[in-house]
Amino acid sequence: MKGSLKFFATVSVFSMLAIAPMFLSMKPAAAQPQGLEGSYIGVGPSFGLTNGGQGNDSAIFGGNIQGRIAAPQVPVSLRGTVLFTDKNSAVIPTVTYDLPVAQNTNIYTGVGYSFVQNQTSTTPLGNRDSVVLTLGAESEIAKNVVTYGDVKYGINAYQNSSANALSVQLGLGYRF
């Protein structure tokens, strides 16, 4: 199983590298809305929706700290997320493709990796380091105030289990 995960991760990375130039060279159409620009940092709740079936890895409620660093002139962002509980945390660096859908509003999708601090206790996204797929939305709701929400899918994210993890994050942030 670990071999197939490495193969999947390798193919995914090479596929992203192969198609990235196409997305990076795209120019927005004249009628396309201006999405959310700039960077932000925010906080909010995180809801783990799955468990690994081992008894000590049940779905759990926690919090999140999430940041976005926008790349100028391209629809790509670097994001960092910390999912935490009172016993554990996971740090998830992510690269996303951002698609403007309305004024000051984007949807985004991307891939990252979850680094779990303590693999004997669960986080909202499992208790094992794993590849993470992300799908979310963000919008400026007032001057420099951003709301965001995303779903993270951790592949093989539980110790002693082949179970995947799913979590939902919500938050408010400060845009700078």
N, C-alpha and C. Protein backbone atom coordinates (compact mmCIF):
# COMPACT_ATOMS: atom_id res chain seq x y z
N MET A 1 0.82 -1.20 0.00
CA MET A 1 0.00 0.00 0.00
C MET A 1 0.86 1.26 0.00
N LYS A 2 2.00 1.21 0.78
CA LYS A 2 2.86 2.38 0.82
C LYS A 2 3.47 2.66 -0.54
N GLY A 3 3.79 1.60 -1.30
CA GLY A 3 4.34 1.78 -2.64
C GLY A 3 3.37 2.48 -3.57
N SER A 4 2.09 2.10 -3.48
CA SER A 4 1.09 2.73 -4.35
C SER A 4 0.87 4.19 -3.95
N LEU A 5 1.00 4.52 -2.66
CA LEU A 5 0.86 5.91 -2.22
C LEU A 5 2.03 6.74 -2.76
N LYS A 6 3.25 6.18 -2.69
CA LYS A 6 4.40 6.90 -3.23
C LYS A 6 4.24 7.11 -4.73
N PHE A 7 3.76 6.08 -5.44
CA PHE A 7 3.53 6.20 -6.88
C PHE A 7 2.50 7.29 -7.15
N PHE A 8 1.38 7.28 -6.39
CA PHE A 8 0.33 8.28 -6.56
C PHE A 8 0.87 9.68 -6.32
N ALA A 9 1.64 9.84 -5.24
CA ALA A 9 2.19 11.15 -4.91
C ALA A 9 3.16 11.61 -5.99
N THR A 10 4.00 10.71 -6.48
CA THR A 10 4.96 11.06 -7.52
C THR A 10 4.25 11.47 -8.81
N VAL A 11 3.27 10.68 -9.23
CA VAL A 11 2.51 11.00 -10.44
C VAL A 11 1.79 12.33 -10.27
N SER A 12 1.22 12.57 -9.09
CA SER A 12 0.50 13.82 -8.84
C SER A 12 1.43 15.03 -8.95
N VAL A 13 2.61 14.92 -8.35
CA VAL A 13 3.55 16.04 -8.38
C VAL A 13 4.01 16.30 -9.81
N PHE A 14 4.37 15.25 -10.54
CA PHE A 14 4.82 15.44 -11.92
C PHE A 14 3.69 15.97 -12.80
N SER A 15 2.47 15.53 -12.57
CA SER A 15 1.33 16.04 -13.34
C SER A 15 1.12 17.52 -13.09
N MET A 16 1.21 17.93 -11.82
CA MET A 16 1.06 19.35 -11.48
C MET A 16 2.16 20.18 -12.12
N LEU A 17 3.40 19.66 -12.09
CA LEU A 17 4.51 20.39 -12.71
C LEU A 17 4.33 20.51 -14.21
N ALA A 18 3.73 19.48 -14.83
CA ALA A 18 3.53 19.49 -16.27
C ALA A 18 2.47 20.50 -16.71
N ILE A 19 1.41 20.66 -15.91
CA ILE A 19 0.33 21.57 -16.31
C ILE A 19 0.46 22.96 -15.71
N ALA A 20 1.34 23.15 -14.74
CA ALA A 20 1.48 24.46 -14.10
C ALA A 20 1.79 25.57 -15.08
N PRO A 21 2.71 25.38 -16.05
CA PRO A 21 2.98 26.49 -16.99
C PRO A 21 1.75 26.95 -17.75
N MET A 22 0.84 26.03 -18.05
CA MET A 22 -0.38 26.40 -18.77
C MET A 22 -1.22 27.36 -17.91
N PHE A 23 -1.37 27.05 -16.63
CA PHE A 23 -2.16 27.91 -15.75
C PHE A 23 -1.45 29.23 -15.47
N LEU A 24 -0.14 29.18 -15.32
CA LEU A 24 0.60 30.40 -14.99
C LEU A 24 0.63 31.38 -16.15
N SER A 25 0.50 30.90 -17.38
CA SER A 25 0.53 31.79 -18.53
C SER A 25 -0.84 32.32 -18.92
N MET A 26 -1.89 31.86 -18.26
CA MET A 26 -3.24 32.31 -18.59
C MET A 26 -3.46 33.74 -18.11
N LYS A 27 -4.12 34.52 -18.91
CA LYS A 27 -4.51 35.89 -18.56
C LYS A 27 -6.02 35.90 -18.33
N PRO A 28 -6.50 36.61 -17.32
CA PRO A 28 -7.94 36.65 -17.09
C PRO A 28 -8.67 37.36 -18.23
N ALA A 29 -9.87 36.89 -18.53
CA ALA A 29 -10.70 37.53 -19.56
C ALA A 29 -11.16 38.89 -19.05
N ALA A 30 -11.49 39.78 -19.96
CA ALA A 30 -11.87 41.14 -19.58
C ALA A 30 -13.11 41.16 -18.69
N ALA A 31 -14.05 40.25 -18.92
CA ALA A 31 -15.28 40.25 -18.15
C ALA A 31 -15.16 39.44 -16.85
N GLN A 32 -14.01 38.82 -16.63
CA GLN A 32 -13.83 37.99 -15.44
C GLN A 32 -13.76 38.87 -14.20
N PRO A 33 -14.40 38.45 -13.10
CA PRO A 33 -14.38 39.27 -11.88
C PRO A 33 -12.98 39.35 -11.28
N GLN A 34 -12.76 40.42 -10.55
CA GLN A 34 -11.50 40.59 -9.82
C GLN A 34 -11.63 39.85 -8.50
N GLY A 35 -10.89 38.78 -8.35
CA GLY A 35 -10.96 37.98 -7.13
C GLY A 35 -10.25 38.63 -5.97
N LEU A 36 -10.15 37.90 -4.89
CA LEU A 36 -9.47 38.38 -3.69
C LEU A 36 -7.97 38.42 -3.95
N GLU A 37 -7.38 39.58 -3.74
CA GLU A 37 -5.94 39.74 -3.88
C GLU A 37 -5.34 39.98 -2.52
N GLY A 38 -4.03 39.82 -2.44
CA GLY A 38 -3.33 40.08 -1.20
C GLY A 38 -3.21 38.85 -0.33
N SER A 39 -2.58 39.04 0.80
CA SER A 39 -2.32 37.96 1.74
C SER A 39 -3.13 38.18 3.00
N TYR A 40 -3.32 37.11 3.77
CA TYR A 40 -4.06 37.24 5.03
C TYR A 40 -3.66 36.16 6.01
N ILE A 41 -4.03 36.37 7.26
CA ILE A 41 -3.89 35.36 8.30
C ILE A 41 -5.20 35.35 9.08
N GLY A 42 -5.67 34.15 9.44
CA GLY A 42 -6.95 34.05 10.12
C GLY A 42 -7.00 32.89 11.10
N VAL A 43 -8.08 32.85 11.87
CA VAL A 43 -8.30 31.79 12.86
C VAL A 43 -9.76 31.37 12.84
N GLY A 44 -10.01 30.16 13.31
CA GLY A 44 -11.38 29.67 13.39
C GLY A 44 -11.43 28.22 13.84
N PRO A 45 -12.62 27.63 13.80
CA PRO A 45 -12.78 26.24 14.22
C PRO A 45 -12.42 25.26 13.10
N SER A 46 -12.12 24.04 13.51
CA SER A 46 -11.83 22.95 12.57
C SER A 46 -12.61 21.73 13.05
N PHE A 47 -13.27 21.07 12.11
CA PHE A 47 -14.12 19.93 12.44
C PHE A 47 -13.60 18.68 11.74
N GLY A 48 -13.08 17.72 12.49
CA GLY A 48 -12.69 16.43 11.92
C GLY A 48 -13.95 15.61 11.72
N LEU A 49 -14.13 15.05 10.53
CA LEU A 49 -15.37 14.33 10.21
C LEU A 49 -15.19 12.82 10.13
N THR A 50 -13.97 12.33 10.26
CA THR A 50 -13.70 10.90 10.09
C THR A 50 -12.90 10.36 11.26
N ASN A 51 -12.79 9.03 11.31
CA ASN A 51 -11.89 8.40 12.27
C ASN A 51 -11.20 7.23 11.58
N GLY A 52 -10.11 6.78 12.19
CA GLY A 52 -9.30 5.72 11.60
C GLY A 52 -9.68 4.33 12.04
N GLY A 53 -10.68 4.20 12.93
CA GLY A 53 -11.15 2.90 13.35
C GLY A 53 -10.30 2.20 14.40
N GLN A 54 -9.41 2.93 15.07
CA GLN A 54 -8.52 2.30 16.04
C GLN A 54 -8.89 2.62 17.49
N GLY A 55 -9.95 3.35 17.73
CA GLY A 55 -10.38 3.66 19.09
C GLY A 55 -9.80 4.94 19.65
N ASN A 56 -8.55 5.26 19.32
CA ASN A 56 -7.94 6.49 19.85
C ASN A 56 -7.81 7.56 18.77
N ASP A 57 -8.55 7.40 17.68
CA ASP A 57 -8.41 8.33 16.56
C ASP A 57 -9.77 8.78 16.04
N SER A 58 -10.70 9.01 16.95
CA SER A 58 -12.05 9.40 16.55
C SER A 58 -12.09 10.82 16.01
N ALA A 59 -13.17 11.13 15.30
CA ALA A 59 -13.38 12.49 14.78
C ALA A 59 -13.29 13.47 15.93
N ILE A 60 -12.70 14.63 15.68
CA ILE A 60 -12.41 15.55 16.78
C ILE A 60 -12.62 17.00 16.34
N PHE A 61 -13.00 17.83 17.29
CA PHE A 61 -13.17 19.27 17.09
C PHE A 61 -11.89 19.97 17.54
N GLY A 62 -11.48 20.98 16.80
CA GLY A 62 -10.30 21.75 17.18
C GLY A 62 -10.36 23.14 16.58
N GLY A 63 -9.20 23.69 16.35
CA GLY A 63 -9.11 25.02 15.77
C GLY A 63 -8.14 25.05 14.61
N ASN A 64 -8.12 26.20 13.93
CA ASN A 64 -7.17 26.37 12.84
C ASN A 64 -6.62 27.78 12.84
N ILE A 65 -5.37 27.88 12.42
CA ILE A 65 -4.74 29.14 12.09
C ILE A 65 -4.32 28.97 10.64
N GLN A 66 -4.76 29.89 9.79
CA GLN A 66 -4.51 29.72 8.36
C GLN A 66 -4.02 31.02 7.77
N GLY A 67 -3.03 30.90 6.89
CA GLY A 67 -2.50 32.08 6.22
C GLY A 67 -2.37 31.85 4.73
N ARG A 68 -2.40 32.95 4.00
CA ARG A 68 -2.25 32.91 2.54
C ARG A 68 -1.23 33.97 2.13
N ILE A 69 -0.30 33.55 1.28
CA ILE A 69 0.62 34.48 0.65
C ILE A 69 0.35 34.40 -0.84
N ALA A 70 -0.20 35.47 -1.39
CA ALA A 70 -0.56 35.50 -2.81
C ALA A 70 0.67 35.81 -3.65
N ALA A 71 0.77 35.12 -4.78
CA ALA A 71 1.84 35.41 -5.74
C ALA A 71 1.34 36.49 -6.69
N PRO A 72 2.08 37.58 -6.87
CA PRO A 72 1.63 38.66 -7.74
C PRO A 72 1.52 38.21 -9.20
N GLN A 73 0.48 38.62 -9.88
CA GLN A 73 0.27 38.42 -11.31
C GLN A 73 0.01 36.97 -11.73
N VAL A 74 -0.09 36.05 -10.81
CA VAL A 74 -0.42 34.66 -11.16
C VAL A 74 -1.48 34.15 -10.18
N PRO A 75 -2.34 33.23 -10.62
CA PRO A 75 -3.43 32.75 -9.75
C PRO A 75 -3.00 31.61 -8.83
N VAL A 76 -1.85 31.78 -8.19
CA VAL A 76 -1.30 30.75 -7.31
C VAL A 76 -1.01 31.37 -5.96
N SER A 77 -1.27 30.62 -4.89
CA SER A 77 -0.96 31.08 -3.55
C SER A 77 -0.22 30.00 -2.78
N LEU A 78 0.58 30.44 -1.83
CA LEU A 78 1.18 29.55 -0.84
C LEU A 78 0.37 29.72 0.42
N ARG A 79 -0.05 28.61 0.99
CA ARG A 79 -0.87 28.67 2.19
C ARG A 79 -0.24 27.82 3.28
N GLY A 80 -0.47 28.23 4.49
CA GLY A 80 -0.02 27.46 5.63
C GLY A 80 -1.18 27.33 6.60
N THR A 81 -1.37 26.13 7.11
CA THR A 81 -2.44 25.88 8.06
C THR A 81 -1.89 25.12 9.25
N VAL A 82 -2.33 25.48 10.43
CA VAL A 82 -2.08 24.70 11.63
C VAL A 82 -3.44 24.27 12.15
N LEU A 83 -3.68 22.94 12.17
CA LEU A 83 -4.89 22.39 12.79
C LEU A 83 -4.48 21.92 14.17
N PHE A 84 -5.26 22.27 15.18
CA PHE A 84 -4.83 21.93 16.54
C PHE A 84 -5.99 21.51 17.42
N THR A 85 -5.65 20.75 18.44
CA THR A 85 -6.54 20.41 19.54
C THR A 85 -5.78 20.74 20.82
N ASP A 86 -6.36 20.38 21.96
CA ASP A 86 -5.64 20.62 23.20
C ASP A 86 -4.49 19.63 23.40
N LYS A 87 -4.39 18.57 22.54
CA LYS A 87 -3.35 17.55 22.70
C LYS A 87 -2.39 17.42 21.53
N ASN A 88 -2.72 17.99 20.38
CA ASN A 88 -1.91 17.74 19.20
C ASN A 88 -2.12 18.83 18.15
N SER A 89 -1.24 18.83 17.15
CA SER A 89 -1.38 19.77 16.04
C SER A 89 -0.79 19.17 14.77
N ALA A 90 -1.22 19.71 13.65
CA ALA A 90 -0.69 19.34 12.34
C ALA A 90 -0.39 20.62 11.58
N VAL A 91 0.77 20.69 10.96
CA VAL A 91 1.17 21.83 10.14
C VAL A 91 1.06 21.39 8.69
N ILE A 92 0.35 22.20 7.86
CA ILE A 92 0.05 21.80 6.49
C ILE A 92 0.43 22.93 5.52
N PRO A 93 1.63 22.88 4.95
CA PRO A 93 1.94 23.82 3.87
C PRO A 93 1.25 23.35 2.58
N THR A 94 0.72 24.29 1.81
CA THR A 94 -0.08 23.95 0.63
C THR A 94 0.18 24.95 -0.50
N VAL A 95 0.14 24.48 -1.73
CA VAL A 95 0.16 25.33 -2.92
C VAL A 95 -1.22 25.22 -3.55
N THR A 96 -1.85 26.37 -3.85
CA THR A 96 -3.20 26.34 -4.42
C THR A 96 -3.27 27.14 -5.71
N TYR A 97 -4.23 26.75 -6.53
CA TYR A 97 -4.64 27.51 -7.71
C TYR A 97 -5.90 28.26 -7.31
N ASP A 98 -5.90 29.59 -7.50
CA ASP A 98 -7.00 30.44 -7.06
C ASP A 98 -7.80 30.92 -8.26
N LEU A 99 -9.10 30.71 -8.23
CA LEU A 99 -9.98 31.10 -9.33
C LEU A 99 -10.95 32.18 -8.86
N PRO A 100 -10.88 33.40 -9.43
CA PRO A 100 -11.83 34.44 -9.04
C PRO A 100 -13.23 34.10 -9.52
N VAL A 101 -14.22 34.22 -8.65
CA VAL A 101 -15.61 33.91 -9.02
C VAL A 101 -16.54 35.11 -8.82
N ALA A 102 -16.10 36.11 -8.08
CA ALA A 102 -16.88 37.33 -7.86
C ALA A 102 -15.90 38.40 -7.36
N GLN A 103 -16.40 39.61 -7.23
CA GLN A 103 -15.55 40.68 -6.72
C GLN A 103 -15.01 40.31 -5.34
N ASN A 104 -13.68 40.32 -5.17
CA ASN A 104 -13.01 40.00 -3.90
C ASN A 104 -13.33 38.61 -3.37
N THR A 105 -13.62 37.67 -4.27
CA THR A 105 -13.97 36.30 -3.87
C THR A 105 -13.28 35.29 -4.78
N ASN A 106 -12.65 34.29 -4.17
CA ASN A 106 -11.98 33.21 -4.91
C ASN A 106 -12.48 31.86 -4.42
N ILE A 107 -12.40 30.88 -5.30
CA ILE A 107 -12.39 29.49 -4.86
C ILE A 107 -10.97 28.99 -5.14
N TYR A 108 -10.54 28.01 -4.38
CA TYR A 108 -9.17 27.53 -4.57
C TYR A 108 -9.11 26.02 -4.37
N THR A 109 -8.15 25.42 -5.03
CA THR A 109 -7.88 24.00 -4.87
C THR A 109 -6.38 23.81 -4.88
N GLY A 110 -5.92 22.82 -4.14
CA GLY A 110 -4.48 22.63 -4.09
C GLY A 110 -4.07 21.35 -3.42
N VAL A 111 -2.77 21.20 -3.28
CA VAL A 111 -2.19 20.02 -2.66
C VAL A 111 -1.12 20.46 -1.67
N GLY A 112 -1.03 19.71 -0.59
CA GLY A 112 -0.04 20.00 0.43
C GLY A 112 0.34 18.73 1.16
N TYR A 113 0.97 18.90 2.31
CA TYR A 113 1.39 17.76 3.11
C TYR A 113 1.19 18.10 4.58
N SER A 114 0.63 17.16 5.31
CA SER A 114 0.36 17.34 6.74
C SER A 114 1.49 16.73 7.55
N PHE A 115 2.11 17.55 8.40
CA PHE A 115 3.13 17.10 9.32
C PHE A 115 2.51 17.08 10.72
N VAL A 116 2.24 15.89 11.24
CA VAL A 116 1.58 15.75 12.55
C VAL A 116 2.64 15.75 13.65
N GLN A 117 2.40 16.57 14.68
CA GLN A 117 3.35 16.72 15.77
C GLN A 117 3.50 15.43 16.59
N ASN A 118 2.39 14.84 17.02
CA ASN A 118 2.41 13.68 17.89
C ASN A 118 1.50 12.61 17.29
N GLN A 119 2.06 11.55 16.77
CA GLN A 119 1.27 10.58 16.04
C GLN A 119 0.53 9.59 16.94
N THR A 120 0.54 9.81 18.25
CA THR A 120 -0.25 8.96 19.15
C THR A 120 -1.57 9.61 19.52
N SER A 121 -1.77 10.86 19.11
CA SER A 121 -3.00 11.58 19.41
C SER A 121 -3.52 12.18 18.10
N THR A 122 -4.84 12.21 17.94
CA THR A 122 -5.40 12.65 16.66
C THR A 122 -5.55 14.17 16.57
N THR A 123 -5.61 14.64 15.34
CA THR A 123 -5.91 16.04 15.02
C THR A 123 -7.20 16.02 14.19
N PRO A 124 -7.75 17.16 13.83
CA PRO A 124 -8.93 17.13 12.95
C PRO A 124 -8.66 16.47 11.60
N LEU A 125 -7.37 16.27 11.25
CA LEU A 125 -7.03 15.64 9.97
C LEU A 125 -6.17 14.39 10.19
N GLY A 126 -6.51 13.60 11.19
CA GLY A 126 -5.82 12.33 11.41
C GLY A 126 -4.64 12.43 12.36
N ASN A 127 -3.88 11.32 12.44
CA ASN A 127 -2.75 11.28 13.36
C ASN A 127 -1.48 10.76 12.68
N ARG A 128 -1.41 10.89 11.35
CA ARG A 128 -0.21 10.47 10.61
C ARG A 128 0.08 11.49 9.51
N ASP A 129 1.37 11.73 9.26
CA ASP A 129 1.77 12.59 8.16
C ASP A 129 1.15 12.07 6.86
N SER A 130 0.64 12.99 6.02
CA SER A 130 -0.04 12.54 4.81
C SER A 130 -0.13 13.64 3.76
N VAL A 131 -0.33 13.21 2.52
CA VAL A 131 -0.65 14.13 1.43
C VAL A 131 -2.05 14.67 1.68
N VAL A 132 -2.25 15.97 1.43
CA VAL A 132 -3.54 16.61 1.70
C VAL A 132 -4.02 17.34 0.45
N LEU A 133 -5.26 17.07 0.05
CA LEU A 133 -5.93 17.80 -1.02
C LEU A 133 -6.86 18.82 -0.37
N THR A 134 -6.93 20.02 -0.93
CA THR A 134 -7.72 21.10 -0.35
C THR A 134 -8.64 21.72 -1.38
N LEU A 135 -9.86 22.04 -0.96
CA LEU A 135 -10.82 22.78 -1.78
C LEU A 135 -11.48 23.80 -0.87
N GLY A 136 -11.48 25.08 -1.28
CA GLY A 136 -12.04 26.09 -0.39
C GLY A 136 -12.50 27.34 -1.12
N ALA A 137 -12.98 28.29 -0.32
CA ALA A 137 -13.44 29.59 -0.81
C ALA A 137 -13.02 30.65 0.19
N GLU A 138 -12.82 31.86 -0.32
CA GLU A 138 -12.42 32.99 0.52
C GLU A 138 -13.01 34.27 -0.07
N SER A 139 -13.36 35.20 0.82
CA SER A 139 -13.98 36.44 0.35
C SER A 139 -13.72 37.55 1.36
N GLU A 140 -13.50 38.75 0.84
CA GLU A 140 -13.37 39.91 1.71
C GLU A 140 -14.78 40.40 2.03
N ILE A 141 -15.12 40.47 3.32
CA ILE A 141 -16.47 40.86 3.73
C ILE A 141 -16.53 42.30 4.24
N ALA A 142 -15.39 42.87 4.56
CA ALA A 142 -15.27 44.28 4.96
C ALA A 142 -13.83 44.67 4.65
N LYS A 143 -13.52 45.94 4.75
CA LYS A 143 -12.16 46.37 4.43
C LYS A 143 -11.14 45.57 5.25
N ASN A 144 -10.30 44.80 4.56
CA ASN A 144 -9.23 43.98 5.14
C ASN A 144 -9.72 42.85 6.05
N VAL A 145 -11.00 42.51 6.01
CA VAL A 145 -11.53 41.38 6.78
C VAL A 145 -11.95 40.29 5.80
N VAL A 146 -11.38 39.10 5.97
CA VAL A 146 -11.61 37.99 5.06
C VAL A 146 -12.30 36.86 5.82
N THR A 147 -13.25 36.22 5.16
CA THR A 147 -13.80 34.98 5.68
C THR A 147 -13.36 33.86 4.74
N TYR A 148 -13.09 32.70 5.31
CA TYR A 148 -12.66 31.57 4.50
C TYR A 148 -13.24 30.28 5.04
N GLY A 149 -13.29 29.31 4.17
CA GLY A 149 -13.72 27.97 4.56
C GLY A 149 -13.13 26.98 3.58
N ASP A 150 -12.67 25.85 4.09
CA ASP A 150 -12.17 24.83 3.18
C ASP A 150 -12.36 23.44 3.74
N VAL A 151 -12.22 22.49 2.84
CA VAL A 151 -12.28 21.07 3.17
C VAL A 151 -10.90 20.51 2.85
N LYS A 152 -10.36 19.76 3.80
CA LYS A 152 -9.07 19.11 3.59
C LYS A 152 -9.28 17.60 3.63
N TYR A 153 -8.65 16.92 2.67
CA TYR A 153 -8.75 15.46 2.55
C TYR A 153 -7.36 14.87 2.69
N GLY A 154 -7.11 14.23 3.82
CA GLY A 154 -5.81 13.61 4.08
C GLY A 154 -5.82 12.16 3.60
N ILE A 155 -4.86 11.83 2.74
CA ILE A 155 -4.78 10.49 2.17
C ILE A 155 -3.96 9.60 3.09
N ASN A 156 -4.56 8.48 3.54
CA ASN A 156 -3.88 7.55 4.45
C ASN A 156 -3.43 8.28 5.72
N ALA A 157 -4.32 8.99 6.35
CA ALA A 157 -3.96 9.93 7.41
C ALA A 157 -4.05 9.38 8.84
N TYR A 158 -4.23 8.07 9.00
CA TYR A 158 -4.32 7.48 10.34
C TYR A 158 -3.28 6.39 10.53
N GLN A 159 -2.67 6.35 11.72
CA GLN A 159 -1.74 5.29 12.09
C GLN A 159 -2.46 3.95 12.12
N ASN A 160 -1.78 2.89 11.69
CA ASN A 160 -2.31 1.51 11.73
C ASN A 160 -3.64 1.36 11.02
N SER A 161 -3.86 2.18 10.00
CA SER A 161 -5.11 2.15 9.26
C SER A 161 -4.87 2.74 7.87
N SER A 162 -5.63 2.27 6.91
CA SER A 162 -5.53 2.86 5.57
C SER A 162 -6.62 3.92 5.36
N ALA A 163 -7.27 4.32 6.44
CA ALA A 163 -8.37 5.29 6.35
C ALA A 163 -7.86 6.67 5.95
N ASN A 164 -8.68 7.36 5.19
CA ASN A 164 -8.42 8.74 4.82
C ASN A 164 -9.15 9.66 5.81
N ALA A 165 -8.72 10.90 5.88
CA ALA A 165 -9.31 11.85 6.82
C ALA A 165 -9.96 13.01 6.07
N LEU A 166 -11.02 13.54 6.64
CA LEU A 166 -11.72 14.69 6.07
C LEU A 166 -11.99 15.69 7.19
N SER A 167 -11.64 16.94 6.95
CA SER A 167 -11.91 17.99 7.94
C SER A 167 -12.44 19.24 7.24
N VAL A 168 -13.17 20.02 8.00
CA VAL A 168 -13.75 21.29 7.50
C VAL A 168 -13.22 22.41 8.40
N GLN A 169 -12.71 23.47 7.77
CA GLN A 169 -12.19 24.62 8.49
C GLN A 169 -13.00 25.86 8.09
N LEU A 170 -13.25 26.71 9.06
CA LEU A 170 -13.89 28.01 8.84
C LEU A 170 -13.06 29.05 9.57
N GLY A 171 -13.12 30.30 9.12
CA GLY A 171 -12.38 31.30 9.86
C GLY A 171 -12.56 32.72 9.35
N LEU A 172 -12.09 33.64 10.16
CA LEU A 172 -12.02 35.07 9.83
C LEU A 172 -10.56 35.47 9.86
N GLY A 173 -10.19 36.33 8.90
CA GLY A 173 -8.80 36.72 8.83
C GLY A 173 -8.62 38.20 8.58
N TYR A 174 -7.39 38.65 8.76
CA TYR A 174 -6.99 40.02 8.49
C TYR A 174 -6.15 40.03 7.21
N ARG A 175 -6.59 40.80 6.21
CA ARG A 175 -5.87 40.89 4.93
C ARG A 175 -4.88 42.04 5.00
N PHE A 176 -3.67 41.77 4.52
CA PHE A 176 -2.62 42.81 4.52
C PHE A 176 -1.93 42.87 3.18
